Amino acid sequence: MAVYKRTYTGYEGALTPEWSRFLILPRAAYGRLGQMKLLTILRMVSLFYPLGCIVWVYIANNLSVLASMGVNAVQFVKVETSLFLYLCWVQGAFAYVMTALVGPVLVSPDLVNNALPLYFSRPFSRTEYVLGKVSVLALLLSTITWVPALIVWIIQASLAGWDWTVANLAVAAGLVIGLMLWVLLLSLIALAVSAWVKWRIAAGALLLGIFVAGAGFGTAVNQIVRTDYGSLVNLPEVMYTIWAQLLRLDASNGLPVEWAWGVYIAVCAACLWLLWRKVRAFEVVK
């Protein structure tokens, strides 16, 4: 058939389900992030500590290995809940560094290139856009936070037996929930900063400043006023308090758990509002 005889015909192929439209954003983002060599190196390094924990768990459940070498370590080599709290702390730190590396490039390129009107001129809502951007960081950070932590717990449970597993189910739940909360907090802060600061270097510096400056200021307030409430502006300390509660441990930093939860909810709500307001300015009204 000649070209001039062709007429317009509608698309008759399969349509993407509405619930999965937001997944196009992480799929496109991972294609770009996969080219970042520094990110690949960071992901590899971040798994060293979980691997060390796995070795520790194996030795603790097989003390005969040390006994064969003439080492009596029954009193020293054992698996306690504090091991998982330290695991949260270390992997949370790696997640923070990865967020500072990846976060600034998630929303700002869409603003600089005026891509948001193009997004919203399609059947793509603000909610789906925000959800898609959050899922980019959430899925990436999950691979170095709660996933390896849960693997360590599963290995310990398989070696320790059924009694230990039943008694420590709450630890597994606390690990997953606690690190998911940290991933959500980092994702929202990174997206809010990326939405309002278009310059990548400045956005990365601001992300570092939010945590580093907050930690320094909170420590100074605690030392000068002799109180523990200065830690409310220290987000890592806030999360440490929440992790300790979820793992049924004493945080030993003097920060009330109720205040820690209040700060967490307030920061997440503020970041979500900032991100929502920025995206709303580009919404296409039909």
Protein backbone atom coordinates (compact mmCIF):
# COMPACT_ATOMS: atom_id res chain seq x y z
CA MET A 1 0.00 0.00 0.00
CA ALA A 2 1.28 3.45 -0.92
CA VAL A 3 2.17 5.82 1.91
CA TYR A 4 -0.40 8.43 0.90
CA LYS A 5 -3.16 5.83 1.14
CA ARG A 6 -2.40 4.96 4.77
CA THR A 7 -4.70 6.44 7.38
CA TYR A 8 -4.43 6.87 11.09
CA THR A 9 -5.00 3.74 13.11
CA GLY A 10 -5.05 3.43 16.85
CA TYR A 11 -2.55 1.40 18.85
CA GLU A 12 -3.77 -2.17 19.17
CA GLY A 13 -0.92 -3.69 21.17
CA ALA A 14 -0.80 -4.60 24.85
CA LEU A 15 -1.07 -1.71 27.31
CA THR A 16 1.04 -1.33 30.42
CA PRO A 17 -1.09 -1.91 33.54
CA GLU A 18 -1.73 1.25 35.54
CA TRP A 19 -0.21 -0.19 38.72
CA SER A 20 3.17 -0.78 37.04
CA ARG A 21 3.57 2.43 35.03
CA PHE A 22 5.93 3.94 37.61
CA LEU A 23 8.40 1.08 37.06
CA ILE A 24 9.55 2.69 33.80
CA LEU A 25 11.41 5.29 35.89
CA PRO A 26 13.65 2.90 37.85
CA ARG A 27 14.22 0.83 34.71
CA ALA A 28 15.53 3.88 32.87
CA ALA A 29 17.49 5.12 35.90
CA TYR A 30 19.30 1.82 36.46
CA GLY A 31 20.50 1.95 32.88
CA ARG A 32 22.34 5.19 33.68
CA LEU A 33 23.46 4.18 37.16
CA GLY A 34 24.95 0.96 35.82
CA GLN A 35 27.56 3.05 34.01
CA MET A 36 28.84 4.61 37.26
CA LYS A 37 31.99 2.70 38.21
CA LEU A 38 32.20 4.38 41.61
CA LEU A 39 28.73 3.12 42.45
CA THR A 40 29.70 -0.43 41.51
CA ILE A 41 32.80 -0.25 43.70
CA LEU A 42 30.78 1.14 46.61
CA ARG A 43 28.24 -1.66 46.36
CA MET A 44 31.00 -4.25 46.46
CA VAL A 45 32.74 -2.67 49.45
CA SER A 46 29.45 -2.34 51.32
CA LEU A 47 29.06 -6.13 51.37
CA PHE A 48 32.36 -6.77 53.19
CA TYR A 49 30.88 -6.25 56.65
CA PRO A 50 27.88 -8.59 56.11
CA LEU A 51 30.30 -11.22 54.82
CA GLY A 52 32.37 -10.74 57.96
CA CYS A 53 29.22 -11.17 60.04
CA ILE A 54 28.47 -14.42 58.22
CA VAL A 55 31.96 -15.71 59.05
CA TRP A 56 31.47 -14.67 62.68
CA VAL A 57 28.10 -16.43 62.82
CA TYR A 58 29.58 -19.61 61.38
CA ILE A 59 32.47 -19.65 63.84
CA ALA A 60 30.15 -18.89 66.78
CA ASN A 61 28.06 -21.93 65.89
CA ASN A 62 31.10 -24.12 65.16
CA LEU A 63 33.50 -23.42 68.02
CA SER A 64 35.20 -26.72 67.31
CA VAL A 65 36.97 -24.90 64.47
CA LEU A 66 38.70 -22.61 66.97
CA ALA A 67 39.21 -25.43 69.44
CA SER A 68 41.13 -27.36 66.80
CA MET A 69 43.51 -24.40 66.63
CA GLY A 70 43.91 -24.35 70.41
CA VAL A 71 41.77 -21.24 70.95
CA ASN A 72 39.13 -21.24 73.70
CA ALA A 73 36.69 -18.53 72.63
CA VAL A 74 33.43 -19.71 74.16
CA GLN A 75 33.14 -16.54 76.24
CA PHE A 76 33.98 -14.17 73.39
CA VAL A 77 32.64 -15.56 70.12
CA LYS A 78 28.85 -15.57 70.32
CA VAL A 79 25.94 -14.12 68.40
CA GLU A 80 23.96 -11.49 70.30
CA THR A 81 21.30 -9.03 69.20
CA SER A 82 23.86 -6.23 69.37
CA LEU A 83 25.55 -7.81 66.35
CA PHE A 84 22.50 -6.97 64.25
CA LEU A 85 22.32 -3.45 65.69
CA TYR A 86 25.92 -2.80 64.60
CA LEU A 87 25.04 -4.32 61.24
CA CYS A 88 22.24 -1.76 60.88
CA TRP A 89 24.66 1.03 61.77
CA VAL A 90 27.38 0.02 59.30
CA GLN A 91 25.07 -0.75 56.38
CA GLY A 92 23.09 2.40 57.13
CA ALA A 93 26.29 4.42 56.76
CA PHE A 94 27.00 2.84 53.37
CA ALA A 95 23.42 3.57 52.32
CA TYR A 96 23.93 7.21 53.27
CA VAL A 97 27.08 7.50 51.15
CA MET A 98 25.33 5.83 48.21
CA THR A 99 22.40 8.23 48.58
CA ALA A 100 24.73 11.24 48.42
CA LEU A 101 26.23 9.77 45.24
CA VAL A 102 23.02 8.82 43.45
CA GLY A 103 20.31 11.06 44.91
CA PRO A 104 21.25 14.40 43.30
CA VAL A 105 20.77 13.04 39.76
CA LEU A 106 17.25 11.67 40.18
CA VAL A 107 14.96 14.70 39.84
CA SER A 108 17.16 17.67 38.92
CA PRO A 109 17.83 16.47 35.31
CA ASP A 110 14.07 16.34 34.68
CA LEU A 111 13.78 19.93 35.91
CA VAL A 112 16.77 21.22 33.98
CA ASN A 113 15.62 19.58 30.74
CA ASN A 114 11.94 20.50 31.29
CA ALA A 115 10.96 16.84 31.12
CA LEU A 116 8.20 17.01 33.74
CA PRO A 117 5.57 18.51 31.40
CA LEU A 118 6.33 15.67 28.99
CA TYR A 119 5.84 13.11 31.76
CA PHE A 120 2.53 14.57 32.88
CA SER A 121 1.17 15.02 29.36
CA ARG A 122 0.94 11.21 29.34
CA PRO A 123 -1.27 9.09 31.60
CA PHE A 124 1.32 9.52 34.35
CA SER A 125 0.30 11.15 37.62
CA ARG A 126 2.35 13.00 40.23
CA THR A 127 1.91 10.07 42.58
CA GLU A 128 3.33 7.65 40.03
CA TYR A 129 6.24 9.98 39.32
CA VAL A 130 7.16 10.36 43.00
CA LEU A 131 6.66 6.64 43.60
CA GLY A 132 8.87 5.80 40.62
CA LYS A 133 11.68 8.08 41.77
CA VAL A 134 11.49 6.78 45.35
CA SER A 135 11.63 3.20 44.09
CA VAL A 136 14.92 3.93 42.30
CA LEU A 137 16.73 4.60 45.56
CA ALA A 138 14.62 2.22 47.64
CA LEU A 139 15.45 -0.80 45.48
CA LEU A 140 19.11 0.18 45.17
CA LEU A 141 19.62 0.78 48.90
CA SER A 142 17.73 -2.37 49.83
CA THR A 143 20.45 -4.48 48.19
CA ILE A 144 23.00 -3.23 50.75
CA THR A 145 20.81 -2.79 53.83
CA TRP A 146 17.98 -5.06 54.89
CA VAL A 147 18.58 -7.78 52.28
CA PRO A 148 22.12 -8.71 53.45
CA ALA A 149 21.07 -8.17 57.08
CA LEU A 150 18.21 -10.62 56.66
CA ILE A 151 20.55 -13.12 55.00
CA VAL A 152 22.86 -12.95 58.04
CA TRP A 153 19.89 -13.60 60.33
CA ILE A 154 18.68 -16.53 58.20
CA ILE A 155 22.15 -18.13 58.27
CA GLN A 156 22.29 -17.70 62.05
CA ALA A 157 18.81 -19.21 62.38
CA SER A 158 19.74 -22.21 60.23
CA LEU A 159 22.84 -22.88 62.32
CA ALA A 160 21.40 -22.13 65.76
CA GLY A 161 18.29 -24.26 65.45
CA TRP A 162 14.54 -23.94 65.80
CA ASP A 163 14.51 -22.67 69.39
CA TRP A 164 16.75 -19.71 68.58
CA THR A 165 14.73 -18.95 65.44
CA VAL A 166 11.40 -18.79 67.28
CA ALA A 167 12.89 -16.70 70.10
CA ASN A 168 14.39 -14.17 67.68
CA LEU A 169 11.68 -13.70 65.07
CA ALA A 170 11.22 -10.18 66.43
CA VAL A 171 14.87 -9.46 65.61
CA ALA A 172 14.30 -10.38 61.97
CA ALA A 173 11.22 -8.18 61.81
CA GLY A 174 13.10 -5.32 63.50
CA LEU A 175 15.98 -5.63 61.05
CA VAL A 176 13.78 -5.45 57.98
CA ILE A 177 11.44 -2.73 59.26
CA GLY A 178 14.23 -0.61 60.75
CA LEU A 179 16.41 -0.61 57.66
CA MET A 180 13.40 -0.05 55.40
CA LEU A 181 12.59 3.04 57.46
CA TRP A 182 16.14 4.28 56.97
CA VAL A 183 15.94 3.65 53.22
CA LEU A 184 12.66 5.56 53.02
CA LEU A 185 14.09 8.50 54.97
CA LEU A 186 17.20 8.70 52.78
CA SER A 187 15.13 8.42 49.60
CA LEU A 188 12.74 11.22 50.54
CA ILE A 189 15.52 13.57 51.67
CA ALA A 190 17.52 12.91 48.51
CA LEU A 191 14.54 13.50 46.23
CA ALA A 192 13.52 16.69 48.03
CA VAL A 193 17.06 18.08 47.74
CA SER A 194 17.34 17.00 44.11
CA ALA A 195 14.03 18.66 43.29
CA TRP A 196 14.99 22.05 44.74
CA VAL A 197 18.74 22.16 44.01
CA LYS A 198 19.47 21.70 40.32
CA TRP A 199 23.27 21.78 40.58
CA ARG A 200 24.47 18.23 41.27
CA ILE A 201 27.54 19.21 43.31
CA ALA A 202 25.53 21.60 45.47
CA ALA A 203 22.82 18.98 46.00
CA GLY A 204 25.40 16.40 47.08
CA ALA A 205 27.01 18.90 49.46
CA LEU A 206 23.62 19.76 50.94
CA LEU A 207 22.86 16.08 51.51
CA LEU A 208 26.15 15.70 53.34
CA GLY A 209 25.49 18.87 55.30
CA ILE A 210 22.05 17.78 56.48
CA PHE A 211 23.55 14.78 58.26
CA VAL A 212 27.07 15.96 59.14
CA ALA A 213 26.11 19.46 60.25
CA GLY A 214 23.10 18.10 62.14
CA ALA A 215 25.29 15.60 63.95
CA GLY A 216 27.84 18.27 64.86
CA PHE A 217 25.24 20.76 66.01
CA GLY A 218 23.38 18.16 68.05
CA THR A 219 26.58 17.02 69.77
CA ALA A 220 27.52 20.62 70.57
CA VAL A 221 24.10 21.30 72.10
CA ASN A 222 24.33 18.16 74.21
CA GLN A 223 27.77 19.14 75.49
CA ILE A 224 26.95 22.79 76.22
CA VAL A 225 23.46 22.45 77.69
CA ARG A 226 24.15 18.98 79.15
CA THR A 227 21.07 17.41 77.64
CA ASP A 228 20.27 14.57 75.26
CA TYR A 229 17.65 16.41 73.23
CA GLY A 230 20.26 17.93 70.94
CA SER A 231 20.35 14.53 69.25
CA LEU A 232 16.93 15.29 67.79
CA VAL A 233 18.68 17.12 64.93
CA ASN A 234 21.12 14.25 64.53
CA LEU A 235 19.27 11.95 62.14
CA PRO A 236 21.68 8.99 62.48
CA GLU A 237 21.16 9.11 66.26
CA VAL A 238 17.41 9.31 65.75
CA MET A 239 17.50 6.20 63.59
CA TYR A 240 19.84 4.44 66.03
CA THR A 241 17.24 4.97 68.75
CA ILE A 242 14.50 3.54 66.53
CA TRP A 243 16.65 0.57 65.54
CA ALA A 244 17.41 -0.20 69.17
CA GLN A 245 13.72 -0.15 70.05
CA LEU A 246 12.79 -2.42 67.14
CA LEU A 247 15.54 -4.85 68.16
CA ARG A 248 14.47 -4.61 71.81
CA LEU A 249 17.77 -3.12 72.96
CA ASP A 250 18.71 -0.07 75.00
CA ALA A 251 19.96 2.73 72.75
CA SER A 252 22.00 4.16 75.67
CA ASN A 253 22.01 7.63 74.12
CA GLY A 254 19.33 9.12 76.36
CA LEU A 255 17.04 10.08 73.48
CA PRO A 256 13.38 9.23 74.17
CA VAL A 257 11.96 6.82 71.61
CA GLU A 258 8.74 8.83 71.26
CA TRP A 259 10.70 11.94 70.28
CA ALA A 260 12.79 9.94 67.82
CA TRP A 261 9.66 8.66 66.08
CA GLY A 262 8.22 12.18 66.05
CA VAL A 263 11.34 13.59 64.35
CA TYR A 264 11.33 10.76 61.82
CA ILE A 265 7.70 11.33 60.83
CA ALA A 266 8.16 15.10 60.71
CA VAL A 267 11.23 14.90 58.43
CA CYS A 268 9.55 12.43 56.07
CA ALA A 269 6.41 14.56 55.90
CA ALA A 270 8.41 17.75 55.23
CA CYS A 271 10.43 16.11 52.45
CA LEU A 272 7.32 14.66 50.86
CA TRP A 273 5.61 18.07 50.97
CA LEU A 274 8.63 19.81 49.39
CA LEU A 275 8.83 17.21 46.65
CA TRP A 276 5.09 17.26 46.04
CA ARG A 277 5.03 21.06 45.81
CA LYS A 278 7.86 21.14 43.29
CA VAL A 279 6.30 18.47 41.10
CA ARG A 280 2.86 20.08 41.32
CA ALA A 281 4.14 23.22 39.61
CA PHE A 282 4.67 21.20 36.43
CA GLU A 283 1.47 19.19 36.45
CA VAL A 284 -0.44 19.28 33.18
CA VAL A 285 -4.11 20.08 33.77
CA LYS A 286 -6.42 18.24 31.39
